[in-house]
């Protein structure tokens, strides 16, 4: 029996999607379209609010506005194609399109991770070293942290996609996922995937674990500092400035650790789809709500923005 080889000349892949049940396609389309629109509108409002209110021109909100922009790009890389496939019978994606989607998925996902780490450092300096906050978190340093986050993320993504482009794909070209993610695509390859898996085991954890450890270390320092505050009100105020950020960290990293920090042999289609939806669709949608509903400055800024729009 001849095995057909799919490499750079392959016409493309078939994305299995969220569900193969035809009756669920339209309801799922409606649900995810609403979630995507809420994500885009909510994060655009966050960006506009921060840029229109001079009181919000601080390092914390600088990183938050860039996090919102990255979240818009992150979901836009995945959700529109997913929505199109929910209404399509073929559910296809070209070989080049798959690699491009994979590139931007990893680039924006890792940028999200580093921005969350930058925000944790900002909170660490603000709580543990408030007298030197303006000196340490100056605009130039904040810009360099943003530039470093983007550069590292895109270099990692480029290396990963270059390795993926060297693989051959035989016989089946059905990706058991709703987008071109690493594990489901690697499982289709009939060539040697050991270089890819070595990178997944070594370089990928370094890119993901480094910001996570930075966040962990920052919060350990913050907790130790806050516990030394004598008044209960002071402790509550200090912790309240970290609550929104910590909620997003738990949602984002919880699902990522579940999906990627396991051997390829333990990949589960259904469970991984649900976990992936958490950090690709749900978390970016919840970001604006978490940061605006629990933040007095953001609420006031949004009221000012609404007043300016109406007037």
C-alpha atoms as a PDB file:
ATOM      1  CA  UNK A   1       0.000   0.000   0.000  1.00  0.00           C
ATOM      2  CA  UNK A   2       1.439   3.356  -1.008  1.00  0.00           C
ATOM      3  CA  UNK A   3       1.700   5.978   1.707  1.00  0.00           C
ATOM      4  CA  UNK A   4       1.051   9.460   0.458  1.00  0.00           C
ATOM      5  CA  UNK A   5       3.523  12.056   1.691  1.00  0.00           C
ATOM      6  CA  UNK A   6       2.340  15.518   2.783  1.00  0.00           C
ATOM      7  CA  UNK A   7       5.067  18.080   3.183  1.00  0.00           C
ATOM      8  CA  UNK A   8       5.440  21.596   1.864  1.00  0.00           C
ATOM      9  CA  UNK A   9       3.527  20.524  -1.286  1.00  0.00           C
ATOM     10  CA  UNK A  10       0.470  19.257   0.602  1.00  0.00           C
ATOM     11  CA  UNK A  11      -2.822  20.954  -0.325  1.00  0.00           C
ATOM     12  CA  UNK A  12      -3.584  21.322   3.364  1.00  0.00           C
ATOM     13  CA  UNK A  13      -5.104  19.785   6.469  1.00  0.00           C
ATOM     14  CA  UNK A  14      -8.600  19.146   7.734  1.00  0.00           C
ATOM     15  CA  UNK A  15      -9.424  20.629  11.134  1.00  0.00           C
ATOM     16  CA  UNK A  16     -11.758  18.298  13.007  1.00  0.00           C
ATOM     17  CA  UNK A  17     -13.092  21.234  15.037  1.00  0.00           C
ATOM     18  CA  UNK A  18     -14.731  21.393  18.431  1.00  0.00           C
ATOM     19  CA  UNK A  19     -17.460  18.893  17.605  1.00  0.00           C
ATOM     20  CA  UNK A  20     -18.244  16.655  14.629  1.00  0.00           C
ATOM     21  CA  UNK A  21     -21.966  16.682  15.432  1.00  0.00           C
ATOM     22  CA  UNK A  22     -23.714  18.618  12.578  1.00  0.00           C
ATOM     23  CA  UNK A  23     -26.533  19.713  14.894  1.00  0.00           C
ATOM     24  CA  UNK A  24     -24.065  21.509  17.177  1.00  0.00           C
ATOM     25  CA  UNK A  25     -22.289  23.505  14.457  1.00  0.00           C
ATOM     26  CA  UNK A  26     -24.718  26.454  14.311  1.00  0.00           C
ATOM     27  CA  UNK A  27     -25.212  26.795  18.116  1.00  0.00           C
ATOM     28  CA  UNK A  28     -21.428  26.608  18.622  1.00  0.00           C
ATOM     29  CA  UNK A  29     -20.939  29.230  15.907  1.00  0.00           C
ATOM     30  CA  UNK A  30     -23.358  31.585  17.681  1.00  0.00           C
ATOM     31  CA  UNK A  31     -21.746  31.028  21.090  1.00  0.00           C
ATOM     32  CA  UNK A  32     -18.166  31.557  19.933  1.00  0.00           C
ATOM     33  CA  UNK A  33     -19.068  34.500  17.707  1.00  0.00           C
ATOM     34  CA  UNK A  34     -20.587  36.257  20.726  1.00  0.00           C
ATOM     35  CA  UNK A  35     -17.545  35.367  22.864  1.00  0.00           C
ATOM     36  CA  UNK A  36     -15.174  36.673  20.186  1.00  0.00           C
ATOM     37  CA  UNK A  37     -17.080  39.953  19.795  1.00  0.00           C
ATOM     38  CA  UNK A  38     -17.153  40.411  23.586  1.00  0.00           C
ATOM     39  CA  UNK A  39     -13.393  39.747  23.683  1.00  0.00           C
ATOM     40  CA  UNK A  40     -12.594  42.299  20.969  1.00  0.00           C
ATOM     41  CA  UNK A  41     -14.971  44.999  22.233  1.00  0.00           C
ATOM     42  CA  UNK A  42     -13.981  44.505  25.881  1.00  0.00           C
ATOM     43  CA  UNK A  43     -10.252  44.662  25.223  1.00  0.00           C
ATOM     44  CA  UNK A  44     -10.600  47.639  22.855  1.00  0.00           C
ATOM     45  CA  UNK A  45     -12.489  49.463  25.635  1.00  0.00           C
ATOM     46  CA  UNK A  46      -9.638  48.683  28.051  1.00  0.00           C
ATOM     47  CA  UNK A  47      -7.098  50.135  25.584  1.00  0.00           C
ATOM     48  CA  UNK A  48      -9.184  53.249  24.852  1.00  0.00           C
ATOM     49  CA  UNK A  49      -9.877  53.847  28.549  1.00  0.00           C
ATOM     50  CA  UNK A  50      -6.195  53.646  29.485  1.00  0.00           C
ATOM     51  CA  UNK A  51      -5.029  55.866  26.632  1.00  0.00           C
ATOM     52  CA  UNK A  52      -7.745  58.493  27.186  1.00  0.00           C
ATOM     53  CA  UNK A  53      -7.240  58.915  30.953  1.00  0.00           C
ATOM     54  CA  UNK A  54      -3.943  60.507  32.050  1.00  0.00           C
ATOM     55  CA  UNK A  55      -4.342  59.031  35.557  1.00  0.00           C
ATOM     56  CA  UNK A  56      -3.963  55.579  34.023  1.00  0.00           C
ATOM     57  CA  UNK A  57      -0.643  56.366  32.328  1.00  0.00           C
ATOM     58  CA  UNK A  58       1.296  54.209  34.789  1.00  0.00           C
ATOM     59  CA  UNK A  59       3.417  51.059  34.281  1.00  0.00           C
ATOM     60  CA  UNK A  60       0.643  48.716  35.473  1.00  0.00           C
ATOM     61  CA  UNK A  61      -1.866  50.073  32.945  1.00  0.00           C
ATOM     62  CA  UNK A  62       0.805  50.305  30.252  1.00  0.00           C
ATOM     63  CA  UNK A  63       1.283  46.531  30.519  1.00  0.00           C
ATOM     64  CA  UNK A  64      -2.476  45.977  30.809  1.00  0.00           C
ATOM     65  CA  UNK A  65      -3.200  47.873  27.571  1.00  0.00           C
ATOM     66  CA  UNK A  66      -0.545  45.818  25.754  1.00  0.00           C
ATOM     67  CA  UNK A  67      -1.957  42.625  27.287  1.00  0.00           C
ATOM     68  CA  UNK A  68      -5.397  43.583  25.913  1.00  0.00           C
ATOM     69  CA  UNK A  69      -3.927  44.241  22.457  1.00  0.00           C
ATOM     70  CA  UNK A  70      -2.095  40.888  22.530  1.00  0.00           C
ATOM     71  CA  UNK A  71      -5.284  39.110  23.599  1.00  0.00           C
ATOM     72  CA  UNK A  72      -7.137  40.570  20.611  1.00  0.00           C
ATOM     73  CA  UNK A  73      -4.393  39.334  18.256  1.00  0.00           C
ATOM     74  CA  UNK A  74      -4.228  35.968  20.041  1.00  0.00           C
ATOM     75  CA  UNK A  75      -7.942  35.190  19.649  1.00  0.00           C
ATOM     76  CA  UNK A  76      -8.106  36.678  16.133  1.00  0.00           C
ATOM     77  CA  UNK A  77      -5.447  34.193  15.033  1.00  0.00           C
ATOM     78  CA  UNK A  78      -7.699  31.276  16.043  1.00  0.00           C
ATOM     79  CA  UNK A  79     -11.392  32.133  16.417  1.00  0.00           C
ATOM     80  CA  UNK A  80     -12.310  33.550  12.938  1.00  0.00           C
ATOM     81  CA  UNK A  81     -10.971  30.404  11.215  1.00  0.00           C
ATOM     82  CA  UNK A  82     -12.750  28.251  13.791  1.00  0.00           C
ATOM     83  CA  UNK A  83     -16.013  30.124  13.112  1.00  0.00           C
ATOM     84  CA  UNK A  84     -15.597  29.746   9.338  1.00  0.00           C
ATOM     85  CA  UNK A  85     -15.031  26.003   9.708  1.00  0.00           C
ATOM     86  CA  UNK A  86     -18.148  25.622  11.871  1.00  0.00           C
ATOM     87  CA  UNK A  87     -20.204  26.740   8.853  1.00  0.00           C
ATOM     88  CA  UNK A  88     -18.084  24.906   6.275  1.00  0.00           C
ATOM     89  CA  UNK A  89     -18.331  21.308   5.136  1.00  0.00           C
ATOM     90  CA  UNK A  90     -14.654  20.973   4.190  1.00  0.00           C
ATOM     91  CA  UNK A  91     -13.118  22.532   7.389  1.00  0.00           C
ATOM     92  CA  UNK A  92      -9.797  22.807   5.582  1.00  0.00           C
ATOM     93  CA  UNK A  93      -6.697  24.878   6.219  1.00  0.00           C
ATOM     94  CA  UNK A  94      -3.726  25.130   3.866  1.00  0.00           C
ATOM     95  CA  UNK A  95      -0.292  23.847   4.860  1.00  0.00           C
ATOM     96  CA  UNK A  96       1.116  27.401   4.832  1.00  0.00           C
ATOM     97  CA  UNK A  97      -1.944  28.719   6.651  1.00  0.00           C
ATOM     98  CA  UNK A  98      -1.467  26.078   9.341  1.00  0.00           C
ATOM     99  CA  UNK A  99       2.160  27.093   9.926  1.00  0.00           C
ATOM    100  CA  UNK A 100       1.235  30.802   9.994  1.00  0.00           C
ATOM    101  CA  UNK A 101      -1.541  30.140  12.494  1.00  0.00           C
ATOM    102  CA  UNK A 102       0.844  28.082  14.633  1.00  0.00           C
ATOM    103  CA  UNK A 103       3.479  30.844  14.492  1.00  0.00           C
ATOM    104  CA  UNK A 104       1.191  33.642  15.687  1.00  0.00           C
ATOM    105  CA  UNK A 105      -0.527  31.386  18.221  1.00  0.00           C
ATOM    106  CA  UNK A 106       2.792  30.714  19.955  1.00  0.00           C
ATOM    107  CA  UNK A 107       4.114  34.253  19.481  1.00  0.00           C
ATOM    108  CA  UNK A 108       1.086  36.000  21.006  1.00  0.00           C
ATOM    109  CA  UNK A 109       0.550  33.281  23.621  1.00  0.00           C
ATOM    110  CA  UNK A 110       4.119  33.597  24.890  1.00  0.00           C
ATOM    111  CA  UNK A 111       3.916  37.401  24.772  1.00  0.00           C
ATOM    112  CA  UNK A 112       0.859  37.129  27.031  1.00  0.00           C
ATOM    113  CA  UNK A 113       2.925  35.032  29.416  1.00  0.00           C
ATOM    114  CA  UNK A 114       5.792  37.548  29.571  1.00  0.00           C
ATOM    115  CA  UNK A 115       3.419  40.498  29.967  1.00  0.00           C
ATOM    116  CA  UNK A 116       1.812  38.756  32.957  1.00  0.00           C
ATOM    117  CA  UNK A 117       5.320  38.355  34.397  1.00  0.00           C
ATOM    118  CA  UNK A 118       6.046  42.057  33.774  1.00  0.00           C
ATOM    119  CA  UNK A 119       2.846  42.978  35.605  1.00  0.00           C
ATOM    120  CA  UNK A 120       3.890  40.776  38.545  1.00  0.00           C
ATOM    121  CA  UNK A 121       7.256  42.581  38.700  1.00  0.00           C
ATOM    122  CA  UNK A 122       5.399  45.895  38.642  1.00  0.00           C
ATOM    123  CA  UNK A 123       3.276  44.837  41.633  1.00  0.00           C
ATOM    124  CA  UNK A 124       6.393  43.547  43.420  1.00  0.00           C
ATOM    125  CA  UNK A 125       8.164  46.901  43.120  1.00  0.00           C
ATOM    126  CA  UNK A 126       5.010  48.880  43.993  1.00  0.00           C
ATOM    127  CA  UNK A 127       4.390  46.917  47.219  1.00  0.00           C
ATOM    128  CA  UNK A 128       7.899  45.934  48.342  1.00  0.00           C
ATOM    129  CA  UNK A 129       9.831  49.021  47.238  1.00  0.00           C
ATOM    130  CA  UNK A 130       7.289  51.869  46.832  1.00  0.00           C
ATOM    131  CA  UNK A 131       9.774  54.713  47.455  1.00  0.00           C
ATOM    132  CA  UNK A 132      11.811  53.722  44.396  1.00  0.00           C
ATOM    133  CA  UNK A 133       8.842  52.688  42.234  1.00  0.00           C
ATOM    134  CA  UNK A 134       9.026  55.589  39.769  1.00  0.00           C
ATOM    135  CA  UNK A 135      12.792  55.165  39.368  1.00  0.00           C
ATOM    136  CA  UNK A 136      12.728  51.384  38.916  1.00  0.00           C
ATOM    137  CA  UNK A 137       9.600  51.221  36.730  1.00  0.00           C
ATOM    138  CA  UNK A 138      10.468  54.180  34.516  1.00  0.00           C
ATOM    139  CA  UNK A 139       8.991  54.426  30.969  1.00  0.00           C
ATOM    140  CA  UNK A 140      12.235  53.359  29.274  1.00  0.00           C
ATOM    141  CA  UNK A 141      12.497  50.200  31.384  1.00  0.00           C
ATOM    142  CA  UNK A 142       8.822  49.361  30.820  1.00  0.00           C
ATOM    143  CA  UNK A 143       9.309  49.716  27.063  1.00  0.00           C
ATOM    144  CA  UNK A 144      12.392  47.456  27.178  1.00  0.00           C
ATOM    145  CA  UNK A 145      10.407  44.841  29.126  1.00  0.00           C
ATOM    146  CA  UNK A 146       7.689  44.972  26.451  1.00  0.00           C
ATOM    147  CA  UNK A 147      10.248  44.777  23.639  1.00  0.00           C
ATOM    148  CA  UNK A 148      11.984  41.826  25.316  1.00  0.00           C
ATOM    149  CA  UNK A 149       8.652  40.024  25.765  1.00  0.00           C
ATOM    150  CA  UNK A 150       7.803  40.371  22.062  1.00  0.00           C
ATOM    151  CA  UNK A 151      11.301  39.533  20.803  1.00  0.00           C
ATOM    152  CA  UNK A 152      11.763  36.348  22.860  1.00  0.00           C
ATOM    153  CA  UNK A 153       8.253  35.151  21.990  1.00  0.00           C
ATOM    154  CA  UNK A 154       8.630  35.674  18.239  1.00  0.00           C
ATOM    155  CA  UNK A 155      12.109  34.102  18.115  1.00  0.00           C
ATOM    156  CA  UNK A 156      10.805  31.029  19.971  1.00  0.00           C
ATOM    157  CA  UNK A 157       7.830  30.821  17.622  1.00  0.00           C
ATOM    158  CA  UNK A 158      10.038  31.159  14.538  1.00  0.00           C
ATOM    159  CA  UNK A 159      12.352  28.355  15.688  1.00  0.00           C
ATOM    160  CA  UNK A 160       9.418  26.090  16.438  1.00  0.00           C
ATOM    161  CA  UNK A 161       7.719  26.663  13.060  1.00  0.00           C
ATOM    162  CA  UNK A 162      10.994  26.184  11.155  1.00  0.00           C
ATOM    163  CA  UNK A 163      11.406  22.763  12.785  1.00  0.00           C
ATOM    164  CA  UNK A 164       7.772  21.943  12.051  1.00  0.00           C
ATOM    165  CA  UNK A 165       8.178  22.903   8.366  1.00  0.00           C
ATOM    166  CA  UNK A 166      10.843  20.177   7.949  1.00  0.00           C
ATOM    167  CA  UNK A 167       8.377  17.394   8.828  1.00  0.00           C
ATOM    168  CA  UNK A 168       6.534  15.139   6.391  1.00  0.00           C
ATOM    169  CA  UNK A 169       2.904  14.153   6.893  1.00  0.00           C
ATOM    170  CA  UNK A 170       1.654  10.791   5.642  1.00  0.00           C
ATOM    171  CA  UNK A 171      -1.753   9.315   4.914  1.00  0.00           C
ATOM    172  CA  UNK A 172      -4.049  11.049   7.397  1.00  0.00           C
ATOM    173  CA  UNK A 173      -4.051  14.843   7.345  1.00  0.00           C
ATOM    174  CA  UNK A 174      -6.953  15.315   9.757  1.00  0.00           C
ATOM    175  CA  UNK A 175      -5.945  17.490  12.728  1.00  0.00           C
ATOM    176  CA  UNK A 176      -7.986  16.450  15.748  1.00  0.00           C
ATOM    177  CA  UNK A 177      -8.303  19.987  17.033  1.00  0.00           C
ATOM    178  CA  UNK A 178      -9.967  23.299  16.157  1.00  0.00           C
ATOM    179  CA  UNK A 179      -6.665  24.952  15.172  1.00  0.00           C
ATOM    180  CA  UNK A 180      -3.070  24.027  14.299  1.00  0.00           C
ATOM    181  CA  UNK A 181      -1.616  23.280  17.721  1.00  0.00           C
ATOM    182  CA  UNK A 182       1.705  21.537  18.351  1.00  0.00           C
ATOM    183  CA  UNK A 183       0.696  18.121  19.707  1.00  0.00           C
ATOM    184  CA  UNK A 184      -2.114  17.230  17.269  1.00  0.00           C
ATOM    185  CA  UNK A 185       0.007  18.262  14.257  1.00  0.00           C
ATOM    186  CA  UNK A 186       3.071  16.350  15.479  1.00  0.00           C
ATOM    187  CA  UNK A 187       0.956  13.200  15.866  1.00  0.00           C
ATOM    188  CA  UNK A 188       0.242  13.273  12.101  1.00  0.00           C
ATOM    189  CA  UNK A 189       3.898  13.317  11.071  1.00  0.00           C
ATOM    190  CA  UNK A 190       5.490  10.187   9.620  1.00  0.00           C
ATOM    191  CA  UNK A 191       9.028  11.615   9.834  1.00  0.00           C
ATOM    192  CA  UNK A 192      11.352  11.833  12.821  1.00  0.00           C
ATOM    193  CA  UNK A 193       9.821  14.253  15.341  1.00  0.00           C
ATOM    194  CA  UNK A 194      12.543  13.830  17.978  1.00  0.00           C
ATOM    195  CA  UNK A 195      14.072  17.324  17.327  1.00  0.00           C
ATOM    196  CA  UNK A 196      10.617  18.845  17.798  1.00  0.00           C
ATOM    197  CA  UNK A 197       9.951  16.851  20.951  1.00  0.00           C
ATOM    198  CA  UNK A 198      13.389  17.728  22.342  1.00  0.00           C
ATOM    199  CA  UNK A 199      12.568  21.385  21.830  1.00  0.00           C
ATOM    200  CA  UNK A 200       9.148  20.894  23.454  1.00  0.00           C
ATOM    201  CA  UNK A 201      10.834  19.258  26.453  1.00  0.00           C
ATOM    202  CA  UNK A 202      13.706  21.771  26.774  1.00  0.00           C
ATOM    203  CA  UNK A 203      13.276  25.139  25.064  1.00  0.00           C
ATOM    204  CA  UNK A 204       9.484  25.420  25.342  1.00  0.00           C
ATOM    205  CA  UNK A 205       9.390  24.916  29.138  1.00  0.00           C
ATOM    206  CA  UNK A 206      12.218  27.455  29.440  1.00  0.00           C
ATOM    207  CA  UNK A 207      10.125  30.037  27.582  1.00  0.00           C
ATOM    208  CA  UNK A 208       6.949  29.244  29.551  1.00  0.00           C
ATOM    209  CA  UNK A 209       8.441  28.354  32.947  1.00  0.00           C
ATOM    210  CA  UNK A 210      10.733  31.405  33.181  1.00  0.00           C
ATOM    211  CA  UNK A 211       7.894  33.979  33.353  1.00  0.00           C
ATOM    212  CA  UNK A 212       5.868  31.635  35.562  1.00  0.00           C
ATOM    213  CA  UNK A 213       8.738  31.337  38.071  1.00  0.00           C
ATOM    214  CA  UNK A 214       9.130  35.108  37.912  1.00  0.00           C
ATOM    215  CA  UNK A 215       5.451  35.499  38.832  1.00  0.00           C
ATOM    216  CA  UNK A 216       5.763  32.900  41.597  1.00  0.00           C
ATOM    217  CA  UNK A 217       8.845  34.571  43.087  1.00  0.00           C
ATOM    218  CA  UNK A 218       7.198  38.009  42.874  1.00  0.00           C
ATOM    219  CA  UNK A 219       4.102  36.872  44.741  1.00  0.00           C
ATOM    220  CA  UNK A 220       6.124  35.077  47.409  1.00  0.00           C
ATOM    221  CA  UNK A 221       7.960  38.352  48.055  1.00  0.00           C
ATOM    222  CA  UNK A 222       4.675  40.268  48.000  1.00  0.00           C
ATOM    223  CA  UNK A 223       3.034  37.885  50.499  1.00  0.00           C
ATOM    224  CA  UNK A 224       6.010  38.114  52.880  1.00  0.00           C
ATOM    225  CA  UNK A 225       5.941  41.928  52.668  1.00  0.00           C
ATOM    226  CA  UNK A 226       2.166  42.224  53.096  1.00  0.00           C
ATOM    227  CA  UNK A 227       2.130  39.909  56.129  1.00  0.00           C
ATOM    228  CA  UNK A 228       4.486  42.349  57.845  1.00  0.00           C
ATOM    229  CA  UNK A 229       1.976  45.201  57.480  1.00  0.00           C
ATOM    230  CA  UNK A 230       0.481  45.705  60.959  1.00  0.00           C
ATOM    231  CA  UNK A 231      -3.030  46.879  59.993  1.00  0.00           C
ATOM    232  CA  UNK A 232      -5.669  44.602  58.470  1.00  0.00           C
ATOM    233  CA  UNK A 233      -6.840  47.445  56.199  1.00  0.00           C
ATOM    234  CA  UNK A 234      -3.307  47.876  54.869  1.00  0.00           C
ATOM    235  CA  UNK A 235      -3.032  44.168  54.118  1.00  0.00           C
ATOM    236  CA  UNK A 236      -6.399  44.155  52.363  1.00  0.00           C
ATOM    237  CA  UNK A 237      -5.469  47.175  50.247  1.00  0.00           C
ATOM    238  CA  UNK A 238      -2.135  45.644  49.225  1.00  0.00           C
ATOM    239  CA  UNK A 239      -3.711  42.309  48.262  1.00  0.00           C
ATOM    240  CA  UNK A 240      -6.570  44.022  46.392  1.00  0.00           C
ATOM    241  CA  UNK A 241      -4.102  45.520  43.900  1.00  0.00           C
ATOM    242  CA  UNK A 242      -2.969  41.981  42.982  1.00  0.00           C
ATOM    243  CA  UNK A 243      -6.315  40.166  42.921  1.00  0.00           C
ATOM    244  CA  UNK A 244      -7.214  40.745  39.259  1.00  0.00           C
ATOM    245  CA  UNK A 245      -3.751  39.876  37.995  1.00  0.00           C
ATOM    246  CA  UNK A 246      -3.556  36.719  40.118  1.00  0.00           C
ATOM    247  CA  UNK A 247      -6.961  35.534  38.830  1.00  0.00           C
ATOM    248  CA  UNK A 248      -5.802  35.821  35.206  1.00  0.00           C
ATOM    249  CA  UNK A 249      -2.507  34.068  36.029  1.00  0.00           C
ATOM    250  CA  UNK A 250      -4.338  31.075  37.545  1.00  0.00           C
ATOM    251  CA  UNK A 251      -6.727  30.759  34.569  1.00  0.00           C
ATOM    252  CA  UNK A 252      -4.003  31.212  31.954  1.00  0.00           C
ATOM    253  CA  UNK A 253      -1.240  29.046  33.405  1.00  0.00           C
ATOM    254  CA  UNK A 254      -3.555  26.389  34.837  1.00  0.00           C
ATOM    255  CA  UNK A 255      -4.858  25.386  31.403  1.00  0.00           C
ATOM    256  CA  UNK A 256      -1.451  25.766  29.683  1.00  0.00           C
ATOM    257  CA  UNK A 257       0.315  23.512  32.205  1.00  0.00           C
ATOM    258  CA  UNK A 258      -2.410  20.884  31.784  1.00  0.00           C
ATOM    259  CA  UNK A 259      -2.110  20.860  27.962  1.00  0.00           C
ATOM    260  CA  UNK A 260       1.625  21.190  27.327  1.00  0.00           C
ATOM    261  CA  UNK A 261       3.474  19.778  30.312  1.00  0.00           C
ATOM    262  CA  UNK A 262       2.676  16.163  29.504  1.00  0.00           C
ATOM    263  CA  UNK A 263       4.252  13.588  27.155  1.00  0.00           C
ATOM    264  CA  UNK A 264       2.906  13.517  23.592  1.00  0.00           C
ATOM    265  CA  UNK A 265       1.709   9.933  24.186  1.00  0.00           C
ATOM    266  CA  UNK A 266      -0.746  11.182  26.849  1.00  0.00           C
ATOM    267  CA  UNK A 267      -2.408  13.667  24.506  1.00  0.00           C
ATOM    268  CA  UNK A 268      -6.222  13.533  24.887  1.00  0.00           C
ATOM    269  CA  UNK A 269      -8.365  15.079  22.153  1.00  0.00           C
ATOM    270  CA  UNK A 270     -11.474  15.981  24.167  1.00  0.00           C
ATOM    271  CA  UNK A 271      -9.776  17.054  27.419  1.00  0.00           C
ATOM    272  CA  UNK A 272      -7.136  19.109  25.643  1.00  0.00           C
ATOM    273  CA  UNK A 273      -9.749  20.867  23.511  1.00  0.00           C
ATOM    274  CA  UNK A 274     -11.597  22.028  26.626  1.00  0.00           C
ATOM    275  CA  UNK A 275      -8.387  23.161  28.354  1.00  0.00           C
ATOM    276  CA  UNK A 276      -7.192  24.939  25.200  1.00  0.00           C
ATOM    277  CA  UNK A 277     -10.507  26.797  24.905  1.00  0.00           C
ATOM    278  CA  UNK A 278      -9.870  28.150  28.407  1.00  0.00           C
ATOM    279  CA  UNK A 279      -6.717  30.085  27.522  1.00  0.00           C
ATOM    280  CA  UNK A 280      -7.443  30.822  23.840  1.00  0.00           C
ATOM    281  CA  UNK A 281     -11.063  32.010  24.122  1.00  0.00           C
ATOM    282  CA  UNK A 282     -12.350  32.211  27.706  1.00  0.00           C
ATOM    283  CA  UNK A 283      -9.425  33.940  29.468  1.00  0.00           C
ATOM    284  CA  UNK A 284      -9.003  36.754  26.867  1.00  0.00           C
ATOM    285  CA  UNK A 285     -12.769  37.338  27.104  1.00  0.00           C
ATOM    286  CA  UNK A 286     -12.701  37.499  30.915  1.00  0.00           C
ATOM    287  CA  UNK A 287      -9.673  39.836  31.124  1.00  0.00           C
ATOM    288  CA  UNK A 288     -11.646  43.085  30.590  1.00  0.00           C
ATOM    289  CA  UNK A 289     -14.304  42.051  33.119  1.00  0.00           C
ATOM    290  CA  UNK A 290     -11.800  40.994  35.773  1.00  0.00           C
ATOM    291  CA  UNK A 291      -9.696  44.138  35.434  1.00  0.00           C
ATOM    292  CA  UNK A 292     -12.596  46.593  35.121  1.00  0.00           C
ATOM    293  CA  UNK A 293     -15.098  45.220  37.650  1.00  0.00           C
ATOM    294  CA  UNK A 294     -12.508  44.918  40.424  1.00  0.00           C
ATOM    295  CA  UNK A 295     -10.635  48.142  39.723  1.00  0.00           C
ATOM    296  CA  UNK A 296     -11.954  51.548  40.844  1.00  0.00           C
ATOM    297  CA  UNK A 297      -9.556  53.498  38.599  1.00  0.00           C
ATOM    298  CA  UNK A 298     -10.661  51.525  35.528  1.00  0.00           C
ATOM    299  CA  UNK A 299     -14.342  52.019  36.414  1.00  0.00           C
ATOM    300  CA  UNK A 300     -13.817  55.771  36.722  1.00  0.00           C
ATOM    301  CA  UNK A 301     -11.822  55.838  33.484  1.00  0.00           C
ATOM    302  CA  UNK A 302     -14.585  53.974  31.628  1.00  0.00           C
ATOM    303  CA  UNK A 303     -17.211  56.389  32.953  1.00  0.00           C
ATOM    304  CA  UNK A 304     -15.099  59.302  31.662  1.00  0.00           C
ATOM    305  CA  UNK A 305     -14.690  57.589  28.301  1.00  0.00           C
ATOM    306  CA  UNK A 306     -18.431  56.973  28.037  1.00  0.00           C
ATOM    307  CA  UNK A 307     -19.108  60.612  28.904  1.00  0.00           C
ATOM    308  CA  UNK A 308     -16.669  61.782  26.192  1.00  0.00           C
ATOM    309  CA  UNK A 309     -18.273  59.488  23.602  1.00  0.00           C
ATOM    310  CA  UNK A 310     -21.784  60.723  24.458  1.00  0.00           C
ATOM    311  CA  UNK A 311     -20.749  64.366  24.480  1.00  0.00           C
END
